[in-house]
Amino acid sequence: MARLRNALLAGLVFAFLVSEDSPTLLAQSSSTSLTPPHIGFEVPRVVDPIHTNGEPDIGIDPFGRVFVSGPTGTGTQRSVWFGSVDRGHTFRIISPGPPPSAIAGIIDPPGGGDTDINFDRSGKQYFADLYALACLRTATTTDGGATVSQEIYPAGCSGLPGADRQWLAIYDPAPGTPNQSAYTGPKPLIYLEYNNVVSGAQWNKSNSVVDKVSGGPGLTYVAATKGTTSACDANGSFYAPFGADGYPALDQITGKVSQAAGSQNSNGTFSLLLNIGTPDASGDLTFLDFPTTANPCGNSSKLIHIADNLPGSCPSTLLETSSLLGLSARAAAALLCGRSS
């Protein structure tokens, strides 16, 4: 259940980016100068000195509030979720269950596998926690974690057990954003992608039409992948779009989702391939490798080659490195692996 995130930490340590010349959260260009202010680092802050966890993630909502989450291990059946309203200087625990206590600790099972957090434009936060490769507990909060709604089942896996390495992506374009999407349903539209541990990538969706429970949307999800009735002998199941385990991105203009992952070649090298899903009016996605009669498991020839002939260690770090450094995946391939397609 290891994910491509950060190195394991004994306690989450947080060093927040601050501007030397501005009190804003992130450095911004001055309105009177074309030269952006310098960026510096504060002294690292310990998010939680008590609860150890690995593979933490971090997110900043539209109001500048900072949130961190991370699993404490599937054996514990819990994960930790923290919020900060003071620019990451101090954090408090967010829990959908009873308030933490010195005796009982944090009570928010099930979970402890992988976690992910994301936000819509209003600042509503979406949380997903993997439990025992079975399903994904989902939670939402509209007030920075003061109150939390959650669902354990059917929740993120849409009532179909089998899940690992989940990611959230949200379509919620700002007013005035050019609209080139076929989607006509309510916004936000929340996608939850994960490896269903049977056929591969699974894309589910949530909006106010399919999720009417208190705290929704973002709690109950339904399937959103087209072509999954195509039988695939190779995996003993059905078609699943290429890209499972890859970090997804969503375009707010077209509503399209993109996901890249490594694919091993016959000579032992890897190719970094990109799959793109296009939504229909209801938000269901058709991917580039949509199955055909000749290719019931998916037409891999339609995938986009970002980089080819990579050594085995490269695809596992390429995408995250390109994101951190602000490079294209091709540029990151050349930098890390010394070659590209």
C-alpha atoms as a PDB file:
ATOM      1  CA  MET A   1       0.000   0.000   0.000  1.00  0.00           C
ATOM      2  CA  ALA A   2       3.005   2.234  -0.250  1.00  0.00           C
ATOM      3  CA  ARG A   3       2.336   5.335  -2.294  1.00  0.00           C
ATOM      4  CA  LEU A   4       4.492   7.758  -4.187  1.00  0.00           C
ATOM      5  CA  ARG A   5       4.483  10.599  -1.688  1.00  0.00           C
ATOM      6  CA  ASN A   6       7.181  11.496   0.817  1.00  0.00           C
ATOM      7  CA  ALA A   7       9.672   9.436   2.777  1.00  0.00           C
ATOM      8  CA  LEU A   8       8.387   7.802   5.942  1.00  0.00           C
ATOM      9  CA  LEU A   9       8.522  10.141   8.911  1.00  0.00           C
ATOM     10  CA  ALA A  10       8.674   9.284  12.614  1.00  0.00           C
ATOM     11  CA  GLY A  11       6.641  12.424  13.224  1.00  0.00           C
ATOM     12  CA  LEU A  12       5.288  14.723  10.548  1.00  0.00           C
ATOM     13  CA  VAL A  13       7.620  17.664  10.184  1.00  0.00           C
ATOM     14  CA  PHE A  14       6.331  20.665   8.321  1.00  0.00           C
ATOM     15  CA  ALA A  15       8.431  23.441   6.845  1.00  0.00           C
ATOM     16  CA  PHE A  16       6.137  26.035   5.348  1.00  0.00           C
ATOM     17  CA  LEU A  17       7.045  28.314   2.459  1.00  0.00           C
ATOM     18  CA  VAL A  18       6.908  31.977   3.428  1.00  0.00           C
ATOM     19  CA  SER A  19       7.775  35.150   1.644  1.00  0.00           C
ATOM     20  CA  GLU A  20      10.480  37.332   3.118  1.00  0.00           C
ATOM     21  CA  ASP A  21       8.763  40.445   1.862  1.00  0.00           C
ATOM     22  CA  SER A  22       5.090  39.621   2.186  1.00  0.00           C
ATOM     23  CA  PRO A  23       2.823  38.192   4.901  1.00  0.00           C
ATOM     24  CA  THR A  24       0.896  36.146   2.370  1.00  0.00           C
ATOM     25  CA  LEU A  25       1.092  32.374   2.451  1.00  0.00           C
ATOM     26  CA  LEU A  26       2.914  31.968  -0.814  1.00  0.00           C
ATOM     27  CA  ALA A  27       5.229  34.385  -2.513  1.00  0.00           C
ATOM     28  CA  GLN A  28       3.412  36.598  -5.003  1.00  0.00           C
ATOM     29  CA  SER A  29       4.591  39.126  -7.527  1.00  0.00           C
ATOM     30  CA  SER A  30       4.388  42.704  -6.272  1.00  0.00           C
ATOM     31  CA  SER A  31       1.788  44.862  -7.961  1.00  0.00           C
ATOM     32  CA  THR A  32       4.458  47.535  -8.418  1.00  0.00           C
ATOM     33  CA  SER A  33       7.359  45.349  -9.485  1.00  0.00           C
ATOM     34  CA  LEU A  34       7.967  42.576 -11.969  1.00  0.00           C
ATOM     35  CA  THR A  35      10.501  41.014  -9.604  1.00  0.00           C
ATOM     36  CA  PRO A  36       8.876  38.485  -7.268  1.00  0.00           C
ATOM     37  CA  PRO A  37       9.901  38.546  -3.611  1.00  0.00           C
ATOM     38  CA  HIS A  38      12.372  36.008  -2.358  1.00  0.00           C
ATOM     39  CA  ILE A  39      11.114  32.747  -0.875  1.00  0.00           C
ATOM     40  CA  GLY A  40      12.483  31.446   2.385  1.00  0.00           C
ATOM     41  CA  PHE A  41      11.840  28.597   4.778  1.00  0.00           C
ATOM     42  CA  GLU A  42      10.771  28.863   8.380  1.00  0.00           C
ATOM     43  CA  VAL A  43      12.068  26.623  11.099  1.00  0.00           C
ATOM     44  CA  PRO A  44      10.357  23.230  10.564  1.00  0.00           C
ATOM     45  CA  ARG A  45       7.241  22.684  12.646  1.00  0.00           C
ATOM     46  CA  VAL A  46       6.383  19.349  14.199  1.00  0.00           C
ATOM     47  CA  VAL A  47       2.800  18.614  13.206  1.00  0.00           C
ATOM     48  CA  ASP A  48       2.336  15.778  15.693  1.00  0.00           C
ATOM     49  CA  PRO A  49       5.045  14.600  18.103  1.00  0.00           C
ATOM     50  CA  ILE A  50       2.975  11.620  19.296  1.00  0.00           C
ATOM     51  CA  HIS A  51       1.343   9.787  16.387  1.00  0.00           C
ATOM     52  CA  THR A  52       3.808   8.300  13.917  1.00  0.00           C
ATOM     53  CA  ASN A  53       2.667   7.828  10.356  1.00  0.00           C
ATOM     54  CA  GLY A  54       4.076   7.551   6.881  1.00  0.00           C
ATOM     55  CA  GLU A  55       3.304   8.834   3.389  1.00  0.00           C
ATOM     56  CA  PRO A  56       1.852  12.158   4.556  1.00  0.00           C
ATOM     57  CA  ASP A  57       0.116  14.564   2.224  1.00  0.00           C
ATOM     58  CA  ILE A  58      -0.441  18.278   2.553  1.00  0.00           C
ATOM     59  CA  GLY A  59      -2.999  20.698   1.125  1.00  0.00           C
ATOM     60  CA  ILE A  60      -3.819  24.403   1.365  1.00  0.00           C
ATOM     61  CA  ASP A  61      -7.435  25.496   0.979  1.00  0.00           C
ATOM     62  CA  PRO A  62      -8.625  28.729  -0.709  1.00  0.00           C
ATOM     63  CA  PHE A  63      -8.495  30.535   2.662  1.00  0.00           C
ATOM     64  CA  GLY A  64      -4.864  29.660   3.308  1.00  0.00           C
ATOM     65  CA  ARG A  65      -5.612  27.057   5.950  1.00  0.00           C
ATOM     66  CA  VAL A  66      -3.132  24.182   5.940  1.00  0.00           C
ATOM     67  CA  PHE A  67      -4.102  20.520   6.255  1.00  0.00           C
ATOM     68  CA  VAL A  68      -2.046  17.364   6.599  1.00  0.00           C
ATOM     69  CA  SER A  69      -3.059  13.726   6.690  1.00  0.00           C
ATOM     70  CA  GLY A  70      -1.301  10.378   6.815  1.00  0.00           C
ATOM     71  CA  PRO A  71      -1.969   6.709   7.571  1.00  0.00           C
ATOM     72  CA  THR A  72      -0.720   5.121  10.776  1.00  0.00           C
ATOM     73  CA  GLY A  73      -0.834   1.607   9.303  1.00  0.00           C
ATOM     74  CA  THR A  74      -3.619  -0.773   8.394  1.00  0.00           C
ATOM     75  CA  GLY A  75      -2.970  -2.712  11.618  1.00  0.00           C
ATOM     76  CA  THR A  76      -4.092   0.327  13.606  1.00  0.00           C
ATOM     77  CA  GLN A  77      -7.184   0.870  11.430  1.00  0.00           C
ATOM     78  CA  ARG A  78      -6.845   4.618  11.715  1.00  0.00           C
ATOM     79  CA  SER A  79      -5.252   7.583  10.041  1.00  0.00           C
ATOM     80  CA  VAL A  80      -4.478  11.053  11.318  1.00  0.00           C
ATOM     81  CA  TRP A  81      -5.827  14.300   9.869  1.00  0.00           C
ATOM     82  CA  PHE A  82      -4.694  17.718  11.030  1.00  0.00           C
ATOM     83  CA  GLY A  83      -5.662  21.324  10.363  1.00  0.00           C
ATOM     84  CA  SER A  84      -3.898  24.636  10.905  1.00  0.00           C
ATOM     85  CA  VAL A  85      -5.448  28.110  10.824  1.00  0.00           C
ATOM     86  CA  ASP A  86      -2.187  29.958  11.545  1.00  0.00           C
ATOM     87  CA  ARG A  87      -0.218  29.290   8.370  1.00  0.00           C
ATOM     88  CA  GLY A  88       1.115  25.944   9.521  1.00  0.00           C
ATOM     89  CA  HIS A  89       2.590  27.024  12.843  1.00  0.00           C
ATOM     90  CA  THR A  90       0.308  24.863  14.968  1.00  0.00           C
ATOM     91  CA  PHE A  91      -1.996  21.969  14.108  1.00  0.00           C
ATOM     92  CA  ARG A  92      -4.978  20.315  15.742  1.00  0.00           C
ATOM     93  CA  ILE A  93      -6.465  16.903  15.129  1.00  0.00           C
ATOM     94  CA  ILE A  94      -9.535  16.598  12.919  1.00  0.00           C
ATOM     95  CA  SER A  95     -11.748  13.633  13.730  1.00  0.00           C
ATOM     96  CA  PRO A  96     -15.191  12.573  12.499  1.00  0.00           C
ATOM     97  CA  GLY A  97     -15.530  10.469  15.653  1.00  0.00           C
ATOM     98  CA  PRO A  98     -15.376  11.431  19.323  1.00  0.00           C
ATOM     99  CA  PRO A  99     -12.881  14.120  20.306  1.00  0.00           C
ATOM    100  CA  PRO A 100      -9.455  12.578  20.985  1.00  0.00           C
ATOM    101  CA  SER A 101      -8.704  11.857  24.621  1.00  0.00           C
ATOM    102  CA  ALA A 102      -5.642  10.952  26.666  1.00  0.00           C
ATOM    103  CA  ILE A 103      -7.108   7.519  27.381  1.00  0.00           C
ATOM    104  CA  ALA A 104      -8.786   6.509  24.119  1.00  0.00           C
ATOM    105  CA  GLY A 105      -6.585   8.486  21.743  1.00  0.00           C
ATOM    106  CA  ILE A 106      -7.902   9.046  18.221  1.00  0.00           C
ATOM    107  CA  ILE A 107     -11.027   7.052  17.401  1.00  0.00           C
ATOM    108  CA  ASP A 108     -11.753   7.194  13.680  1.00  0.00           C
ATOM    109  CA  PRO A 109     -11.748   3.652  12.266  1.00  0.00           C
ATOM    110  CA  PRO A 110     -11.649   2.104   9.785  1.00  0.00           C
ATOM    111  CA  GLY A 111      -8.624   3.221   7.816  1.00  0.00           C
ATOM    112  CA  GLY A 112      -4.880   3.414   8.172  1.00  0.00           C
ATOM    113  CA  GLY A 113      -3.935   2.495   4.618  1.00  0.00           C
ATOM    114  CA  ASP A 114      -3.594   5.507   2.320  1.00  0.00           C
ATOM    115  CA  THR A 115      -5.091   8.976   2.734  1.00  0.00           C
ATOM    116  CA  ASP A 116      -5.821  11.817   0.359  1.00  0.00           C
ATOM    117  CA  ILE A 117      -7.290  15.308   0.753  1.00  0.00           C
ATOM    118  CA  ASN A 118      -8.543  17.871  -1.748  1.00  0.00           C
ATOM    119  CA  PHE A 119     -10.691  21.020  -1.871  1.00  0.00           C
ATOM    120  CA  ASP A 120     -13.307  22.706  -4.003  1.00  0.00           C
ATOM    121  CA  ARG A 121     -13.453  26.467  -4.604  1.00  0.00           C
ATOM    122  CA  SER A 122     -15.647  27.084  -1.554  1.00  0.00           C
ATOM    123  CA  GLY A 123     -13.024  25.591   0.741  1.00  0.00           C
ATOM    124  CA  LYS A 124     -14.992  22.418   1.389  1.00  0.00           C
ATOM    125  CA  GLN A 125     -12.490  19.659   2.078  1.00  0.00           C
ATOM    126  CA  TYR A 126     -12.726  16.079   0.865  1.00  0.00           C
ATOM    127  CA  PHE A 127     -10.927  13.227   2.617  1.00  0.00           C
ATOM    128  CA  ALA A 128     -10.498   9.552   1.717  1.00  0.00           C
ATOM    129  CA  ASP A 129      -8.942   6.830   3.876  1.00  0.00           C
ATOM    130  CA  LEU A 130      -8.181   3.282   2.744  1.00  0.00           C
ATOM    131  CA  TYR A 131      -9.066   0.407   5.032  1.00  0.00           C
ATOM    132  CA  ALA A 132      -7.547  -3.068   4.594  1.00  0.00           C
ATOM    133  CA  LEU A 133      -7.623  -3.005   0.770  1.00  0.00           C
ATOM    134  CA  ALA A 134     -11.395  -3.342   1.168  1.00  0.00           C
ATOM    135  CA  CYS A 135     -12.947   0.083   0.660  1.00  0.00           C
ATOM    136  CA  LEU A 136     -12.413   3.818   1.137  1.00  0.00           C
ATOM    137  CA  ARG A 137     -13.862   5.701   4.092  1.00  0.00           C
ATOM    138  CA  THR A 138     -14.858   9.180   2.943  1.00  0.00           C
ATOM    139  CA  ALA A 139     -15.297  12.389   4.907  1.00  0.00           C
ATOM    140  CA  THR A 140     -16.030  16.050   4.259  1.00  0.00           C
ATOM    141  CA  THR A 141     -15.834  19.273   6.221  1.00  0.00           C
ATOM    142  CA  THR A 142     -16.979  22.780   5.323  1.00  0.00           C
ATOM    143  CA  ASP A 143     -15.555  24.556   8.376  1.00  0.00           C
ATOM    144  CA  GLY A 144     -11.923  23.558   8.418  1.00  0.00           C
ATOM    145  CA  GLY A 145     -12.496  20.415  10.466  1.00  0.00           C
ATOM    146  CA  ALA A 146     -14.611  21.829  13.303  1.00  0.00           C
ATOM    147  CA  THR A 147     -17.397  19.485  12.203  1.00  0.00           C
ATOM    148  CA  VAL A 148     -16.973  16.444   9.961  1.00  0.00           C
ATOM    149  CA  SER A 149     -19.351  14.166   8.058  1.00  0.00           C
ATOM    150  CA  GLN A 150     -18.220  10.697   7.032  1.00  0.00           C
ATOM    151  CA  GLU A 151     -19.344   7.499   5.328  1.00  0.00           C
ATOM    152  CA  ILE A 152     -17.785   4.074   5.757  1.00  0.00           C
ATOM    153  CA  TYR A 153     -19.771   2.046   3.218  1.00  0.00           C
ATOM    154  CA  PRO A 154     -20.581   2.153   0.297  1.00  0.00           C
ATOM    155  CA  ALA A 155     -18.503   5.328   0.429  1.00  0.00           C
ATOM    156  CA  GLY A 156     -15.573   5.660  -1.970  1.00  0.00           C
ATOM    157  CA  CYS A 157     -15.582   2.145  -3.393  1.00  0.00           C
ATOM    158  CA  SER A 158     -19.240   2.423  -4.394  1.00  0.00           C
ATOM    159  CA  GLY A 159     -20.046  -0.690  -2.407  1.00  0.00           C
ATOM    160  CA  LEU A 160     -17.692  -2.914  -4.426  1.00  0.00           C
ATOM    161  CA  PRO A 161     -14.858  -4.146  -2.183  1.00  0.00           C
ATOM    162  CA  GLY A 162     -11.305  -3.882  -3.443  1.00  0.00           C
ATOM    163  CA  ALA A 163      -9.307  -0.645  -3.270  1.00  0.00           C
ATOM    164  CA  ASP A 164      -5.778   0.709  -2.971  1.00  0.00           C
ATOM    165  CA  ARG A 165      -3.842   3.936  -3.611  1.00  0.00           C
ATOM    166  CA  GLN A 166      -6.694   6.393  -4.010  1.00  0.00           C
ATOM    167  CA  TRP A 167      -6.595   9.950  -5.363  1.00  0.00           C
ATOM    168  CA  LEU A 168      -9.169  12.753  -5.401  1.00  0.00           C
ATOM    169  CA  ALA A 169      -9.705  15.171  -8.316  1.00  0.00           C
ATOM    170  CA  ILE A 170     -12.337  17.916  -8.344  1.00  0.00           C
ATOM    171  CA  TYR A 171     -14.011  19.720 -11.222  1.00  0.00           C
ATOM    172  CA  ASP A 172     -15.180  23.100  -9.915  1.00  0.00           C
ATOM    173  CA  PRO A 173     -14.231  25.849 -12.373  1.00  0.00           C
ATOM    174  CA  ALA A 174     -14.318  29.454 -11.260  1.00  0.00           C
ATOM    175  CA  PRO A 175     -16.887  31.845 -12.757  1.00  0.00           C
ATOM    176  CA  GLY A 176     -15.675  33.142 -16.096  1.00  0.00           C
ATOM    177  CA  THR A 177     -13.605  30.032 -16.850  1.00  0.00           C
ATOM    178  CA  PRO A 178     -14.033  29.059 -20.525  1.00  0.00           C
ATOM    179  CA  ASN A 179     -16.238  25.991 -20.715  1.00  0.00           C
ATOM    180  CA  GLN A 180     -15.187  23.293 -23.156  1.00  0.00           C
ATOM    181  CA  SER A 181     -16.602  20.400 -21.173  1.00  0.00           C
ATOM    182  CA  ALA A 182     -19.591  18.269 -22.158  1.00  0.00           C
ATOM    183  CA  TYR A 183     -20.478  17.902 -18.480  1.00  0.00           C
ATOM    184  CA  THR A 184     -23.797  19.581 -17.637  1.00  0.00           C
ATOM    185  CA  GLY A 185     -24.387  18.307 -14.096  1.00  0.00           C
ATOM    186  CA  PRO A 186     -23.994  20.132 -10.782  1.00  0.00           C
ATOM    187  CA  LYS A 187     -20.645  21.316  -9.525  1.00  0.00           C
ATOM    188  CA  PRO A 188     -18.466  20.453  -7.793  1.00  0.00           C
ATOM    189  CA  LEU A 189     -17.966  17.093  -9.461  1.00  0.00           C
ATOM    190  CA  ILE A 190     -15.657  14.962  -7.339  1.00  0.00           C
ATOM    191  CA  TYR A 191     -13.731  12.054  -8.814  1.00  0.00           C
ATOM    192  CA  LEU A 192     -12.122   9.351  -6.697  1.00  0.00           C
ATOM    193  CA  GLU A 193      -9.624   7.173  -8.567  1.00  0.00           C
ATOM    194  CA  TYR A 194      -8.005   4.074  -7.127  1.00  0.00           C
ATOM    195  CA  ASN A 195      -6.662   0.635  -7.985  1.00  0.00           C
ATOM    196  CA  ASN A 196      -9.527  -1.828  -7.492  1.00  0.00           C
ATOM    197  CA  VAL A 197      -6.932  -4.648  -7.033  1.00  0.00           C
ATOM    198  CA  VAL A 198      -8.738  -6.796  -9.620  1.00  0.00           C
ATOM    199  CA  SER A 199      -8.704  -5.135 -13.038  1.00  0.00           C
ATOM    200  CA  GLY A 200      -6.818  -1.904 -12.326  1.00  0.00           C
ATOM    201  CA  ALA A 201      -7.833   1.754 -12.333  1.00  0.00           C
ATOM    202  CA  GLN A 202     -11.325   2.561 -11.099  1.00  0.00           C
ATOM    203  CA  TRP A 203     -12.854   6.014 -11.464  1.00  0.00           C
ATOM    204  CA  ASN A 204     -15.890   6.857  -9.319  1.00  0.00           C
ATOM    205  CA  LYS A 205     -17.751  10.152  -9.071  1.00  0.00           C
ATOM    206  CA  SER A 206     -19.809  12.116  -6.585  1.00  0.00           C
ATOM    207  CA  ASN A 207     -22.037  15.160  -7.022  1.00  0.00           C
ATOM    208  CA  SER A 208     -25.294  16.408  -5.543  1.00  0.00           C
ATOM    209  CA  VAL A 209     -27.293  14.157  -7.880  1.00  0.00           C
ATOM    210  CA  VAL A 210     -25.743  10.852  -6.784  1.00  0.00           C
ATOM    211  CA  ASP A 211     -24.876  11.862  -3.202  1.00  0.00           C
ATOM    212  CA  LYS A 212     -27.780  13.234  -1.178  1.00  0.00           C
ATOM    213  CA  VAL A 213     -26.598  12.251   2.316  1.00  0.00           C
ATOM    214  CA  SER A 214     -25.838  14.918   4.893  1.00  0.00           C
ATOM    215  CA  GLY A 215     -22.362  16.267   4.272  1.00  0.00           C
ATOM    216  CA  GLY A 216     -22.388  15.281   0.615  1.00  0.00           C
ATOM    217  CA  PRO A 217     -21.402  15.442  -2.096  1.00  0.00           C
ATOM    218  CA  GLY A 218     -18.100  13.729  -1.552  1.00  0.00           C
ATOM    219  CA  LEU A 219     -19.295  10.895   0.679  1.00  0.00           C
ATOM    220  CA  THR A 220     -21.159   8.501  -1.626  1.00  0.00           C
ATOM    221  CA  TYR A 221     -19.617   7.631  -4.991  1.00  0.00           C
ATOM    222  CA  VAL A 222     -20.823   5.739  -8.062  1.00  0.00           C
ATOM    223  CA  ALA A 223     -18.923   4.237 -10.986  1.00  0.00           C
ATOM    224  CA  ALA A 224     -17.841   6.711 -13.656  1.00  0.00           C
ATOM    225  CA  THR A 225     -15.729   4.662 -16.090  1.00  0.00           C
ATOM    226  CA  LYS A 226     -17.051   3.708 -19.524  1.00  0.00           C
ATOM    227  CA  GLY A 227     -16.085   0.440 -21.182  1.00  0.00           C
ATOM    228  CA  THR A 228     -15.856  -1.655 -18.022  1.00  0.00           C
ATOM    229  CA  THR A 229     -18.272  -4.282 -19.392  1.00  0.00           C
ATOM    230  CA  SER A 230     -15.640  -5.371 -21.919  1.00  0.00           C
ATOM    231  CA  ALA A 231     -14.352  -8.781 -20.773  1.00  0.00           C
ATOM    232  CA  CYS A 232     -10.558  -9.020 -20.530  1.00  0.00           C
ATOM    233  CA  ASP A 233      -8.928 -12.449 -20.472  1.00  0.00           C
ATOM    234  CA  ALA A 234      -5.539 -10.972 -19.572  1.00  0.00           C
ATOM    235  CA  ASN A 235      -6.658  -9.944 -16.098  1.00  0.00           C
ATOM    236  CA  GLY A 236      -9.498 -12.438 -15.725  1.00  0.00           C
ATOM    237  CA  SER A 237     -11.919  -9.571 -15.281  1.00  0.00           C
ATOM    238  CA  PHE A 238     -12.902  -6.524 -17.331  1.00  0.00           C
ATOM    239  CA  TYR A 239     -11.318  -3.505 -18.999  1.00  0.00           C
ATOM    240  CA  ALA A 240      -9.827  -0.853 -16.754  1.00  0.00           C
ATOM    241  CA  PRO A 241      -8.191   2.310 -18.113  1.00  0.00           C
ATOM    242  CA  PHE A 242      -4.413   2.399 -17.996  1.00  0.00           C
ATOM    243  CA  GLY A 243      -2.894   4.520 -15.255  1.00  0.00           C
ATOM    244  CA  ALA A 244      -3.721   2.863 -11.936  1.00  0.00           C
ATOM    245  CA  ASP A 245      -1.566   4.284  -9.096  1.00  0.00           C
ATOM    246  CA  GLY A 246      -0.575   7.383 -11.087  1.00  0.00           C
ATOM    247  CA  TYR A 247      -1.377  10.813  -9.624  1.00  0.00           C
ATOM    248  CA  PRO A 248      -4.275  12.314 -11.643  1.00  0.00           C
ATOM    249  CA  ALA A 249      -4.756  15.877 -12.848  1.00  0.00           C
ATOM    250  CA  LEU A 250      -8.003  17.557 -13.923  1.00  0.00           C
ATOM    251  CA  ASP A 251      -8.381  20.409 -16.419  1.00  0.00           C
ATOM    252  CA  GLN A 252     -10.915  22.998 -15.231  1.00  0.00           C
ATOM    253  CA  ILE A 253     -11.640  24.130 -18.805  1.00  0.00           C
ATOM    254  CA  THR A 254     -12.358  20.824 -20.507  1.00  0.00           C
ATOM    255  CA  GLY A 255     -13.135  18.714 -17.451  1.00  0.00           C
ATOM    256  CA  LYS A 256     -10.742  16.087 -18.784  1.00  0.00           C
ATOM    257  CA  VAL A 257      -8.698  13.977 -16.394  1.00  0.00           C
ATOM    258  CA  SER A 258      -5.128  12.893 -17.078  1.00  0.00           C
ATOM    259  CA  GLN A 259      -3.189  10.088 -15.467  1.00  0.00           C
ATOM    260  CA  ALA A 260       0.293   8.805 -16.250  1.00  0.00           C
ATOM    261  CA  ALA A 261       2.096   5.671 -15.134  1.00  0.00           C
ATOM    262  CA  GLY A 262       5.002   3.447 -16.077  1.00  0.00           C
ATOM    263  CA  SER A 263       4.572   0.443 -18.361  1.00  0.00           C
ATOM    264  CA  GLN A 264       7.270  -2.231 -18.642  1.00  0.00           C
ATOM    265  CA  ASN A 265       8.578  -3.074 -22.100  1.00  0.00           C
ATOM    266  CA  SER A 266       9.738  -6.484 -23.317  1.00  0.00           C
ATOM    267  CA  ASN A 267      13.411  -5.481 -22.971  1.00  0.00           C
ATOM    268  CA  GLY A 268      13.025  -4.612 -19.287  1.00  0.00           C
ATOM    269  CA  THR A 269      12.908  -0.842 -19.755  1.00  0.00           C
ATOM    270  CA  PHE A 270       9.855   1.278 -19.024  1.00  0.00           C
ATOM    271  CA  SER A 271       7.738   3.763 -20.921  1.00  0.00           C
ATOM    272  CA  LEU A 272       5.919   6.592 -19.178  1.00  0.00           C
ATOM    273  CA  LEU A 273       2.449   6.675 -20.742  1.00  0.00           C
ATOM    274  CA  LEU A 274      -0.384   9.168 -20.414  1.00  0.00           C
ATOM    275  CA  ASN A 275      -4.090   8.365 -20.471  1.00  0.00           C
ATOM    276  CA  ILE A 276      -6.791  11.029 -20.778  1.00  0.00           C
ATOM    277  CA  GLY A 277     -10.435  10.641 -19.823  1.00  0.00           C
ATOM    278  CA  THR A 278     -13.145  12.826 -21.387  1.00  0.00           C
ATOM    279  CA  PRO A 279     -16.401  13.366 -19.473  1.00  0.00           C
ATOM    280  CA  ASP A 280     -19.865  13.118 -20.981  1.00  0.00           C
ATOM    281  CA  ALA A 281     -22.864  15.157 -19.843  1.00  0.00           C
ATOM    282  CA  SER A 282     -23.187  13.099 -16.653  1.00  0.00           C
ATOM    283  CA  GLY A 283     -19.466  13.102 -15.844  1.00  0.00           C
ATOM    284  CA  ASP A 284     -18.748   9.518 -16.916  1.00  0.00           C
ATOM    285  CA  LEU A 285     -15.303   9.175 -18.477  1.00  0.00           C
ATOM    286  CA  THR A 286     -14.159   7.711 -21.791  1.00  0.00           C
ATOM    287  CA  PHE A 287     -10.408   7.122 -21.885  1.00  0.00           C
ATOM    288  CA  LEU A 288      -8.019   7.100 -24.819  1.00  0.00           C
ATOM    289  CA  ASP A 289      -7.535   3.342 -24.511  1.00  0.00           C
ATOM    290  CA  PHE A 290     -11.270   2.593 -24.597  1.00  0.00           C
ATOM    291  CA  PRO A 291     -11.709  -1.080 -25.514  1.00  0.00           C
ATOM    292  CA  THR A 292     -12.609  -2.289 -29.004  1.00  0.00           C
ATOM    293  CA  THR A 293     -13.545  -5.680 -30.412  1.00  0.00           C
ATOM    294  CA  ALA A 294      -9.943  -6.203 -31.431  1.00  0.00           C
ATOM    295  CA  ASN A 295      -8.629  -4.866 -28.106  1.00  0.00           C
ATOM    296  CA  PRO A 296     -11.117  -5.880 -25.392  1.00  0.00           C
ATOM    297  CA  CYS A 297      -8.617  -5.119 -22.608  1.00  0.00           C
ATOM    298  CA  GLY A 298      -8.024  -1.601 -23.951  1.00  0.00           C
ATOM    299  CA  ASN A 299      -6.275  -0.154 -26.966  1.00  0.00           C
ATOM    300  CA  SER A 300      -2.839   0.760 -25.610  1.00  0.00           C
ATOM    301  CA  SER A 301      -1.752   2.147 -28.996  1.00  0.00           C
ATOM    302  CA  LYS A 302      -3.879   5.221 -28.255  1.00  0.00           C
ATOM    303  CA  LEU A 303      -1.915   6.141 -25.132  1.00  0.00           C
ATOM    304  CA  ILE A 304       0.431   9.127 -25.275  1.00  0.00           C
ATOM    305  CA  HIS A 305       4.156   8.376 -24.846  1.00  0.00           C
ATOM    306  CA  ILE A 306       5.776  10.883 -22.515  1.00  0.00           C
ATOM    307  CA  ALA A 307       9.115   9.096 -22.331  1.00  0.00           C
ATOM    308  CA  ASP A 308      10.445   5.727 -23.484  1.00  0.00           C
ATOM    309  CA  ASN A 309      13.320   3.330 -22.715  1.00  0.00           C
ATOM    310  CA  LEU A 310      13.573   4.387 -19.090  1.00  0.00           C
ATOM    311  CA  PRO A 311      15.470   2.338 -16.507  1.00  0.00           C
ATOM    312  CA  GLY A 312      13.281   0.694 -13.907  1.00  0.00           C
ATOM    313  CA  SER A 313      13.865   3.274 -11.182  1.00  0.00           C
ATOM    314  CA  CYS A 314      12.735   6.266 -13.217  1.00  0.00           C
ATOM    315  CA  PRO A 315       8.942   5.998 -13.642  1.00  0.00           C
ATOM    316  CA  SER A 316       8.494   5.714  -9.885  1.00  0.00           C
ATOM    317  CA  THR A 317       9.855   9.228  -9.300  1.00  0.00           C
ATOM    318  CA  LEU A 318       9.333  11.056 -12.577  1.00  0.00           C
ATOM    319  CA  LEU A 319       5.867  12.534 -12.122  1.00  0.00           C
ATOM    320  CA  GLU A 320       6.293  13.734  -8.572  1.00  0.00           C
ATOM    321  CA  THR A 321       9.683  15.252  -9.353  1.00  0.00           C
ATOM    322  CA  SER A 322       8.296  17.079 -12.379  1.00  0.00           C
ATOM    323  CA  SER A 323       5.499  18.461 -10.211  1.00  0.00           C
ATOM    324  CA  LEU A 324       7.836  19.613  -7.456  1.00  0.00           C
ATOM    325  CA  LEU A 325      10.296  21.245  -9.840  1.00  0.00           C
ATOM    326  CA  GLY A 326       7.706  22.740 -12.171  1.00  0.00           C
ATOM    327  CA  LEU A 327       9.082  20.768 -15.118  1.00  0.00           C
ATOM    328  CA  SER A 328       7.280  18.948 -17.866  1.00  0.00           C
ATOM    329  CA  ALA A 329       7.390  15.170 -17.572  1.00  0.00           C
ATOM    330  CA  ARG A 330       9.621  15.067 -20.653  1.00  0.00           C
ATOM    331  CA  ALA A 331      12.064  17.528 -19.107  1.00  0.00           C
ATOM    332  CA  ALA A 332      12.067  15.549 -15.870  1.00  0.00           C
ATOM    333  CA  ALA A 333      12.776  12.364 -17.837  1.00  0.00           C
ATOM    334  CA  ALA A 334      15.799  13.969 -19.441  1.00  0.00           C
ATOM    335  CA  LEU A 335      16.993  15.318 -16.077  1.00  0.00           C
ATOM    336  CA  LEU A 336      16.519  12.140 -14.032  1.00  0.00           C
ATOM    337  CA  CYS A 337      16.988   9.405 -16.579  1.00  0.00           C
ATOM    338  CA  GLY A 338      19.160  11.016 -19.209  1.00  0.00           C
ATOM    339  CA  ARG A 339      16.750  10.226 -22.029  1.00  0.00           C
ATOM    340  CA  SER A 340      13.280  10.839 -23.363  1.00  0.00           C
ATOM    341  CA  SER A 341      11.161   9.786 -26.301  1.00  0.00           C
END
